[in-house]
Amino acid sequence: MDESRSLDEMDREELCNLLREKEERVEELESLVKRIKADFENYKKRTDNKIENEVFKAEIDFAKDLLDAVDSFKVALEIGEVRDDGFYEGVKNTYSLLIDSLKERGLKEIESENFDPNLHQAVDRVETDEYNDGEVVDVLQEGYIYQEQVLRPSLVRVAFNPNGDESSLESSEDTEVNGDDYDE
């Protein structure tokens, strides 16, 4: 009888050990599932961000491509102002539709009152007493921003007042504007 009792105790001990091993295995598998789930969530976020960045880059490239058309429409409208016919009105309406559509999607014209090296590219300095140093005298080509990203800086002529302070322009001449830099 002692032998049967020891056998039962041994079976019980083996069963307890087997149960502990299975519990440890379940914990390992639960941990693995949690890690895989977290890895998948991180992968999903990275993929979503990558897609979002690629879409943004494509939008910027598309908007940049359209700037040539916008410039051509402006030239056509300036030349056509002397004409008083339906063709001029058609070009004007088409230009308005294009500009309105681009503005709805986040395109903004750069304001050009005071020179900002992040938004403007100075192509000439004009000596004048009519303007303060660093004020934009003339915009030669409009610049544009798309969703806070400079697509193209404005090409401007900047005032140089011989009687004023020119330090504002000197510090900005060393800064280069690069409208192609939209990677984040």
Protein backbone atom coordinates (compact mmCIF):
# COMPACT_ATOMS: atom_id res chain seq x y z
CA MET A 1 0.00 0.00 0.00
CA ASP A 2 2.84 2.29 0.59
CA GLU A 3 3.87 1.77 -2.96
CA SER A 4 0.49 2.90 -4.34
CA ARG A 5 0.54 5.98 -2.17
CA SER A 6 3.96 6.96 -3.37
CA LEU A 7 2.83 6.38 -6.96
CA ASP A 8 -0.16 8.65 -6.45
CA GLU A 9 2.08 11.26 -4.87
CA MET A 10 4.45 10.95 -7.80
CA ASP A 11 1.65 11.32 -10.30
CA ARG A 12 0.38 14.31 -8.42
CA GLU A 13 3.86 15.82 -8.40
CA GLU A 14 4.27 15.20 -12.11
CA LEU A 15 0.86 16.69 -12.79
CA CYS A 16 1.75 19.80 -10.76
CA ASN A 17 5.01 20.14 -12.68
CA LEU A 18 3.22 19.66 -15.98
CA LEU A 19 0.62 22.23 -14.95
CA ARG A 20 3.37 24.74 -14.02
CA GLU A 21 5.10 24.16 -17.37
CA LYS A 22 1.83 24.73 -19.24
CA GLU A 23 1.12 27.88 -17.25
CA GLU A 24 4.62 29.18 -18.05
CA ARG A 25 4.07 28.36 -21.72
CA VAL A 26 0.74 30.21 -21.70
CA GLU A 27 2.45 33.25 -20.15
CA GLU A 28 5.17 33.11 -22.84
CA LEU A 29 2.57 32.91 -25.58
CA GLU A 30 0.54 35.77 -24.08
CA SER A 31 3.69 37.86 -23.92
CA LEU A 32 4.51 36.97 -27.53
CA VAL A 33 1.00 37.95 -28.65
CA LYS A 34 1.33 41.32 -26.86
CA ARG A 35 4.70 42.00 -28.54
CA ILE A 36 3.39 41.02 -31.96
CA LYS A 37 0.34 43.22 -31.46
CA ALA A 38 2.53 46.18 -30.42
CA ASP A 39 4.88 45.57 -33.36
CA PHE A 40 1.92 45.50 -35.72
CA GLU A 41 0.51 48.75 -34.30
CA ASN A 42 3.92 50.42 -34.71
CA TYR A 43 4.18 49.08 -38.27
CA LYS A 44 0.71 50.38 -39.05
CA LYS A 45 1.58 53.85 -37.68
CA ARG A 46 4.87 53.95 -39.64
CA THR A 47 3.08 52.88 -42.81
CA ASP A 48 0.31 55.46 -42.32
CA ASN A 49 2.92 58.20 -41.73
CA LYS A 50 4.89 57.12 -44.78
CA ILE A 51 1.77 57.17 -46.96
CA GLU A 52 0.78 60.57 -45.57
CA ASN A 53 4.27 61.96 -46.29
CA GLU A 54 4.27 60.55 -49.83
CA VAL A 55 0.84 62.05 -50.52
CA PHE A 56 2.06 65.41 -49.16
CA LYS A 57 5.16 65.27 -51.39
CA ALA A 58 2.99 64.45 -54.42
CA GLU A 59 0.68 67.39 -53.59
CA ILE A 60 3.67 69.72 -53.34
CA ASP A 61 5.12 68.49 -56.63
CA PHE A 62 1.74 68.90 -58.32
CA ALA A 63 1.28 72.41 -56.91
CA LYS A 64 4.81 73.37 -58.07
CA ASP A 65 4.02 72.10 -61.56
CA LEU A 66 0.88 74.25 -61.64
CA LEU A 67 2.81 77.42 -60.74
CA ASP A 68 4.08 77.69 -64.33
CA ALA A 69 0.47 77.65 -65.55
CA VAL A 70 -0.47 80.27 -62.97
CA ASP A 71 2.41 82.49 -64.16
CA SER A 72 1.39 82.02 -67.79
CA PHE A 73 -2.19 83.02 -66.99
CA LYS A 74 -0.94 86.16 -65.22
CA VAL A 75 1.15 87.15 -68.24
CA ALA A 76 -1.78 86.47 -70.58
CA LEU A 77 -4.05 88.62 -68.42
CA GLU A 78 -1.53 91.48 -68.30
CA ILE A 79 -1.11 91.41 -72.08
CA GLY A 80 -4.81 90.94 -72.73
CA GLU A 81 -5.99 93.86 -70.58
CA VAL A 82 -6.00 96.11 -73.62
CA ARG A 83 -8.46 93.80 -75.39
CA ASP A 84 -12.13 94.07 -74.68
CA ASP A 85 -13.55 90.78 -75.87
CA GLY A 86 -14.81 87.42 -74.67
CA PHE A 87 -11.40 85.74 -74.99
CA TYR A 88 -9.90 87.92 -72.27
CA GLU A 89 -12.88 87.25 -70.00
CA GLY A 90 -12.53 83.50 -70.62
CA VAL A 91 -8.86 83.52 -69.70
CA LYS A 92 -9.63 85.64 -66.62
CA ASN A 93 -12.38 83.24 -65.49
CA THR A 94 -10.16 80.17 -66.06
CA TYR A 95 -7.36 81.80 -64.06
CA SER A 96 -9.80 82.60 -61.24
CA LEU A 97 -11.05 79.00 -61.16
CA LEU A 98 -7.48 77.66 -61.01
CA ILE A 99 -6.39 80.07 -58.27
CA ASP A 100 -9.55 79.53 -56.20
CA SER A 101 -9.13 75.76 -56.42
CA LEU A 102 -5.47 75.95 -55.35
CA LYS A 103 -6.30 78.30 -52.48
CA GLU A 104 -9.01 75.94 -51.23
CA ARG A 105 -6.35 73.24 -51.02
CA GLY A 106 -3.92 75.38 -49.02
CA LEU A 107 -1.94 77.44 -51.55
CA LYS A 108 -1.16 80.98 -50.41
CA GLU A 109 0.61 83.84 -52.11
CA ILE A 110 3.58 85.11 -50.12
CA GLU A 111 3.03 88.59 -48.76
CA SER A 112 5.88 90.87 -49.66
CA GLU A 113 6.06 93.96 -47.50
CA ASN A 114 9.29 93.42 -45.57
CA PHE A 115 12.10 91.21 -46.80
CA ASP A 116 12.17 87.77 -45.15
CA PRO A 117 14.97 85.46 -46.36
CA ASN A 118 12.75 82.46 -45.62
CA LEU A 119 10.09 83.69 -48.02
CA HIS A 120 11.89 85.97 -50.48
CA GLN A 121 14.86 85.86 -52.79
CA ALA A 122 16.39 89.29 -53.30
CA VAL A 123 17.53 89.78 -56.88
CA ASP A 124 18.31 93.48 -56.66
CA ARG A 125 18.88 96.27 -54.15
CA VAL A 126 17.36 99.63 -54.95
CA GLU A 127 18.81 102.77 -53.44
CA THR A 128 15.90 104.93 -52.33
CA ASP A 129 14.77 107.39 -49.69
CA GLU A 130 11.11 106.39 -50.15
CA TYR A 131 11.48 103.02 -48.40
CA ASN A 132 13.18 101.80 -45.26
CA ASP A 133 16.03 99.33 -45.50
CA GLY A 134 14.79 95.82 -46.08
CA GLU A 135 11.38 96.77 -47.43
CA VAL A 136 10.28 95.10 -50.64
CA VAL A 137 10.16 97.67 -53.42
CA ASP A 138 8.95 95.42 -56.23
CA VAL A 139 7.89 91.79 -56.67
CA LEU A 140 9.28 90.36 -59.90
CA GLN A 141 7.78 86.90 -59.46
CA GLU A 142 5.16 85.86 -56.93
CA GLY A 143 6.13 83.26 -54.38
CA TYR A 144 3.82 80.65 -52.95
CA ILE A 145 3.36 78.62 -49.77
CA TYR A 146 1.50 75.31 -49.67
CA GLN A 147 0.39 74.16 -46.22
CA GLU A 148 3.18 76.10 -44.47
CA GLN A 149 5.82 74.83 -46.97
CA VAL A 150 7.52 77.34 -49.28
CA LEU A 151 6.99 76.10 -52.83
CA ARG A 152 8.77 78.99 -54.43
CA PRO A 153 10.20 82.13 -52.82
CA SER A 154 9.13 85.51 -54.17
CA LEU A 155 11.72 87.19 -56.37
CA VAL A 156 11.94 90.74 -55.06
CA ARG A 157 13.80 94.00 -55.28
CA VAL A 158 14.71 95.28 -51.83
CA ALA A 159 15.16 98.87 -50.67
CA PHE A 160 18.52 100.20 -49.60
CA ASN A 161 18.24 103.53 -47.86
CA PRO A 162 21.67 105.19 -47.73
CA ASN A 163 20.49 107.25 -44.76
CA GLY A 164 19.00 104.28 -42.88
CA ASP A 165 20.15 101.15 -41.12
CA GLU A 166 21.19 98.42 -43.55
CA SER A 167 21.93 95.72 -40.99
CA SER A 168 18.53 94.09 -41.55
CA LEU A 169 19.39 93.23 -45.15
CA GLU A 170 23.04 92.32 -44.58
CA SER A 171 22.15 89.58 -42.11
CA SER A 172 19.58 88.12 -44.50
CA GLU A 173 21.85 88.08 -47.57
CA ASP A 174 23.77 85.14 -46.12
CA THR A 175 20.62 83.01 -45.88
CA GLU A 176 19.70 80.86 -48.86
CA VAL A 177 16.08 79.94 -49.52
CA ASN A 178 15.47 76.47 -50.88
CA GLY A 179 11.87 75.84 -51.89
CA ASP A 180 12.61 72.17 -52.70
CA ASP A 181 13.30 71.22 -49.09
CA TYR A 182 10.04 69.64 -47.96
CA ASP A 183 11.20 66.35 -46.43
CA GLU A 184 10.44 66.00 -42.78
